[in-house]
Structure formats: structure tokens, C-alpha cells
N, C-alpha and C. Protein backbone atom coordinates (compact mmCIF):
# COMPACT_ATOMS: atom_id res chain seq x y z
N MET A 1 249.29 148.58 99.60
CA MET A 1 248.69 148.61 98.30
C MET A 1 247.91 149.92 98.16
N THR A 2 248.01 150.50 97.00
CA THR A 2 247.32 151.76 96.80
C THR A 2 245.89 151.49 96.34
N LEU A 3 245.11 152.50 96.44
CA LEU A 3 243.70 152.40 96.03
C LEU A 3 243.60 152.08 94.54
N LYS A 4 244.49 152.67 93.76
CA LYS A 4 244.48 152.45 92.32
C LYS A 4 244.80 150.98 92.02
N THR A 5 245.77 150.39 92.68
CA THR A 5 246.13 148.99 92.47
C THR A 5 245.00 148.08 92.92
N THR A 6 244.39 148.41 94.05
CA THR A 6 243.27 147.62 94.55
C THR A 6 242.12 147.64 93.55
N LEU A 7 241.81 148.80 93.00
CA LEU A 7 240.74 148.91 92.00
C LEU A 7 241.07 148.10 90.75
N LYS A 8 242.34 148.13 90.33
CA LYS A 8 242.74 147.36 89.15
C LYS A 8 242.58 145.85 89.42
N LEU A 9 243.02 145.42 90.60
CA LEU A 9 242.90 144.00 90.95
C LEU A 9 241.43 143.59 91.07
N THR A 10 240.62 144.47 91.65
CA THR A 10 239.20 144.18 91.78
C THR A 10 238.54 144.09 90.40
N ALA A 11 238.90 145.01 89.52
CA ALA A 11 238.35 145.00 88.16
C ALA A 11 238.77 143.74 87.42
N ALA A 12 240.03 143.35 87.60
CA ALA A 12 240.53 142.14 86.95
C ALA A 12 239.80 140.91 87.49
N ALA A 13 239.61 140.87 88.81
CA ALA A 13 238.91 139.74 89.41
C ALA A 13 237.46 139.70 88.94
N ALA A 14 236.83 140.86 88.85
CA ALA A 14 235.44 140.92 88.37
C ALA A 14 235.36 140.45 86.93
N SER A 15 236.31 140.84 86.11
CA SER A 15 236.33 140.42 84.70
C SER A 15 236.48 138.91 84.60
N LEU A 16 237.39 138.35 85.42
CA LEU A 16 237.56 136.90 85.42
C LEU A 16 236.29 136.19 85.87
N ALA A 17 235.64 136.74 86.88
CA ALA A 17 234.40 136.13 87.37
C ALA A 17 233.32 136.17 86.30
N ILE A 18 233.24 137.29 85.60
CA ILE A 18 232.25 137.41 84.53
C ILE A 18 232.57 136.43 83.41
N LEU A 19 233.86 136.34 83.03
CA LEU A 19 234.24 135.40 81.98
C LEU A 19 233.97 133.97 82.41
N ALA A 20 234.24 133.65 83.66
CA ALA A 20 233.96 132.30 84.16
C ALA A 20 232.46 132.04 84.12
N GLY A 21 231.67 133.04 84.49
CA GLY A 21 230.22 132.90 84.43
C GLY A 21 229.73 132.70 83.02
N CYS A 22 230.31 133.42 82.07
CA CYS A 22 229.94 133.26 80.67
C CYS A 22 230.33 131.87 80.17
N ALA A 23 231.51 131.43 80.59
CA ALA A 23 231.94 130.10 80.17
C ALA A 23 231.00 129.05 80.74
N SER A 24 230.59 129.22 81.99
CA SER A 24 229.66 128.28 82.59
C SER A 24 228.32 128.33 81.89
N THR A 25 227.84 129.53 81.61
CA THR A 25 226.57 129.69 80.89
C THR A 25 226.68 129.08 79.51
N SER A 26 227.81 129.32 78.86
CA SER A 26 228.03 128.76 77.53
C SER A 26 228.06 127.24 77.58
N ALA A 27 228.71 126.70 78.59
CA ALA A 27 228.77 125.25 78.74
C ALA A 27 227.39 124.68 79.02
N LEU A 28 226.63 125.36 79.86
CA LEU A 28 225.27 124.90 80.15
C LEU A 28 224.39 124.96 78.91
N GLU A 29 224.56 126.00 78.13
CA GLU A 29 223.78 126.14 76.89
C GLU A 29 224.14 125.00 75.93
N GLU A 30 225.43 124.68 75.87
CA GLU A 30 225.85 123.58 74.99
C GLU A 30 225.27 122.25 75.47
N VAL A 31 225.27 122.03 76.77
CA VAL A 31 224.68 120.81 77.33
C VAL A 31 223.19 120.77 77.04
N ARG A 32 222.51 121.90 77.20
CA ARG A 32 221.07 121.96 76.92
C ARG A 32 220.79 121.65 75.45
N MET A 33 221.59 122.22 74.56
CA MET A 33 221.39 121.96 73.14
C MET A 33 221.65 120.49 72.80
N THR A 34 222.66 119.91 73.43
CA THR A 34 222.96 118.50 73.21
C THR A 34 221.81 117.63 73.70
N ALA A 35 221.26 117.98 74.86
CA ALA A 35 220.13 117.23 75.41
C ALA A 35 218.91 117.35 74.50
N GLU A 36 218.65 118.54 74.01
CA GLU A 36 217.50 118.73 73.10
C GLU A 36 217.69 117.94 71.81
N SER A 37 218.93 117.94 71.32
CA SER A 37 219.23 117.18 70.11
C SER A 37 219.02 115.68 70.35
N ALA A 38 219.46 115.23 71.52
CA ALA A 38 219.28 113.81 71.86
C ALA A 38 217.81 113.46 71.98
N GLN A 39 217.02 114.38 72.55
CA GLN A 39 215.57 114.14 72.66
C GLN A 39 214.94 114.07 71.27
N ALA A 40 215.36 114.96 70.38
CA ALA A 40 214.82 114.94 69.02
C ALA A 40 215.20 113.65 68.31
N ASP A 41 216.44 113.22 68.50
CA ASP A 41 216.89 111.97 67.88
C ASP A 41 216.10 110.79 68.44
N ALA A 42 215.86 110.79 69.73
CA ALA A 42 215.09 109.71 70.36
C ALA A 42 213.65 109.70 69.84
N ALA A 43 213.07 110.88 69.69
CA ALA A 43 211.70 110.95 69.17
C ALA A 43 211.64 110.44 67.74
N GLU A 44 212.65 110.78 66.95
CA GLU A 44 212.70 110.30 65.57
C GLU A 44 212.87 108.78 65.54
N ALA A 45 213.74 108.27 66.41
CA ALA A 45 213.96 106.82 66.47
C ALA A 45 212.68 106.11 66.88
N ARG A 46 211.95 106.70 67.82
CA ARG A 46 210.68 106.11 68.25
C ARG A 46 209.67 106.09 67.10
N SER A 47 209.62 107.17 66.36
CA SER A 47 208.71 107.25 65.22
C SER A 47 209.06 106.20 64.17
N ILE A 48 210.34 106.02 63.92
CA ILE A 48 210.78 105.02 62.96
C ILE A 48 210.44 103.62 63.47
N ALA A 49 210.63 103.41 64.77
CA ALA A 49 210.31 102.10 65.36
C ALA A 49 208.82 101.81 65.26
N VAL A 50 207.99 102.82 65.48
CA VAL A 50 206.54 102.64 65.37
C VAL A 50 206.17 102.29 63.92
N GLN A 51 206.78 102.99 62.97
CA GLN A 51 206.52 102.69 61.56
C GLN A 51 206.96 101.27 61.22
N ALA A 52 208.11 100.87 61.74
CA ALA A 52 208.60 99.51 61.49
C ALA A 52 207.65 98.48 62.10
N GLN A 53 207.15 98.76 63.29
CA GLN A 53 206.21 97.84 63.93
C GLN A 53 204.92 97.74 63.12
N ASN A 54 204.44 98.88 62.63
CA ASN A 54 203.23 98.87 61.79
C ASN A 54 203.45 98.06 60.52
N THR A 55 204.62 98.23 59.92
CA THR A 55 204.95 97.47 58.71
C THR A 55 205.02 95.98 59.02
N ALA A 56 205.64 95.63 60.13
CA ALA A 56 205.73 94.22 60.54
C ALA A 56 204.34 93.65 60.81
N ASN A 57 203.49 94.43 61.46
CA ASN A 57 202.12 93.96 61.73
C ASN A 57 201.37 93.72 60.42
N GLN A 58 201.53 94.62 59.46
CA GLN A 58 200.87 94.46 58.16
C GLN A 58 201.41 93.23 57.45
N ALA A 59 202.73 93.02 57.52
CA ALA A 59 203.32 91.84 56.90
C ALA A 59 202.78 90.57 57.55
N GLN A 60 202.60 90.60 58.85
CA GLN A 60 202.04 89.43 59.56
C GLN A 60 200.61 89.16 59.09
N ARG A 61 199.81 90.23 58.96
CA ARG A 61 198.43 90.05 58.48
C ARG A 61 198.42 89.50 57.06
N ASP A 62 199.30 90.03 56.21
CA ASP A 62 199.38 89.56 54.83
C ASP A 62 199.80 88.09 54.78
N ALA A 63 200.76 87.73 55.63
CA ALA A 63 201.22 86.33 55.66
C ALA A 63 200.10 85.42 56.13
N GLN A 64 199.33 85.85 57.12
CA GLN A 64 198.21 85.04 57.61
C GLN A 64 197.15 84.87 56.51
N ALA A 65 196.88 85.95 55.79
CA ALA A 65 195.90 85.87 54.70
C ALA A 65 196.41 84.94 53.60
N ALA A 66 197.69 85.02 53.28
CA ALA A 66 198.26 84.15 52.25
C ALA A 66 198.20 82.69 52.69
N LEU A 67 198.48 82.44 53.95
CA LEU A 67 198.42 81.07 54.47
C LEU A 67 196.99 80.54 54.40
N GLN A 68 196.04 81.37 54.77
CA GLN A 68 194.64 80.95 54.72
C GLN A 68 194.23 80.65 53.28
N MET A 69 194.63 81.51 52.37
CA MET A 69 194.29 81.28 50.96
C MET A 69 194.96 80.01 50.45
N SER A 70 196.19 79.78 50.85
CA SER A 70 196.90 78.57 50.45
C SER A 70 196.19 77.32 50.97
N GLU A 71 195.74 77.38 52.21
CA GLU A 71 195.01 76.24 52.78
C GLU A 71 193.69 76.01 52.06
N GLN A 72 193.00 77.10 51.71
CA GLN A 72 191.75 76.96 50.95
C GLN A 72 192.01 76.35 49.58
N ASN A 73 193.07 76.81 48.93
CA ASN A 73 193.42 76.25 47.61
C ASN A 73 193.77 74.77 47.71
N ARG A 74 194.53 74.41 48.75
CA ARG A 74 194.90 73.01 48.96
C ARG A 74 193.64 72.16 49.16
N ASP A 75 192.73 72.66 49.99
CA ASP A 75 191.48 71.91 50.23
C ASP A 75 190.69 71.77 48.93
N GLU A 76 190.61 72.82 48.16
CA GLU A 76 189.88 72.76 46.89
C GLU A 76 190.55 71.78 45.93
N MET A 77 191.86 71.80 45.86
CA MET A 77 192.59 70.87 45.00
C MET A 77 192.35 69.43 45.46
N ASN A 78 192.36 69.20 46.76
CA ASN A 78 192.08 67.85 47.27
C ASN A 78 190.68 67.40 46.90
N ARG A 79 189.70 68.29 46.99
CA ARG A 79 188.33 67.93 46.61
C ARG A 79 188.25 67.62 45.12
N MET A 80 188.93 68.47 44.34
CA MET A 80 188.92 68.23 42.89
C MET A 80 189.58 66.90 42.56
N PHE A 81 190.66 66.60 43.20
CA PHE A 81 191.36 65.34 42.95
C PHE A 81 190.49 64.15 43.37
N SER A 82 189.84 64.29 44.53
CA SER A 82 188.95 63.21 44.99
C SER A 82 187.81 62.99 44.01
N ARG A 83 187.21 64.05 43.48
CA ARG A 83 186.12 63.92 42.52
C ARG A 83 186.61 63.27 41.24
N SER A 84 187.80 63.65 40.81
CA SER A 84 188.30 63.07 39.57
C SER A 84 188.63 61.59 39.74
N MET A 85 189.03 61.21 40.94
CA MET A 85 189.34 59.79 41.18
C MET A 85 188.05 58.97 41.30
N GLN A 86 186.94 59.57 41.64
CA GLN A 86 185.68 58.84 41.78
C GLN A 86 185.05 58.56 40.43
N LYS A 87 185.41 59.27 39.43
CA LYS A 87 184.78 59.08 38.10
C LYS A 87 185.30 57.89 37.38
């Protein structure tokens, strides 16, 4: 093999190695971007879940307050009925 052929083969091998390195770097960058996107999606999902939990907690408090008011109204109606029956 001549020196010129050896240099051409070496240059070709170096080019392939560089292209393979770029492809690997590109693939790693794509994986990193996918992971970051997944993290952002997870953070958004967590935020939505927290908001949903807060809404559910508020609905529970409202339901408890409505139940208490209903019980107070029932008791008042019973007292009123009892008074009217005593007359």
C-alpha cells in the first residue's frame, strides 16, 4: 500500500469516526431533550394534580358546610313544628 492510499484510508476512517461521534452526540442530545420534555410534562401534571386536589378539598369543605347548614335547618324546622303542635 502506498503512503497516499494509506492517508486516504486514514482520512476516510477519521471522517467516519467523526460522523459516528456526531451521530452519537446527536442521539444523546435527542435523548436529553426528550428527558427534559418528560420532566416538564411531569411537573405540569403534578401542578394540575395539586390544583385538582385543592379543588376537591374546597368541594369537601363546601359539602361539609352545606350538610351542617342542612342539619341546622332541619333542627329549626323540627322546633318550629313542635311549637306549632303545642299551641
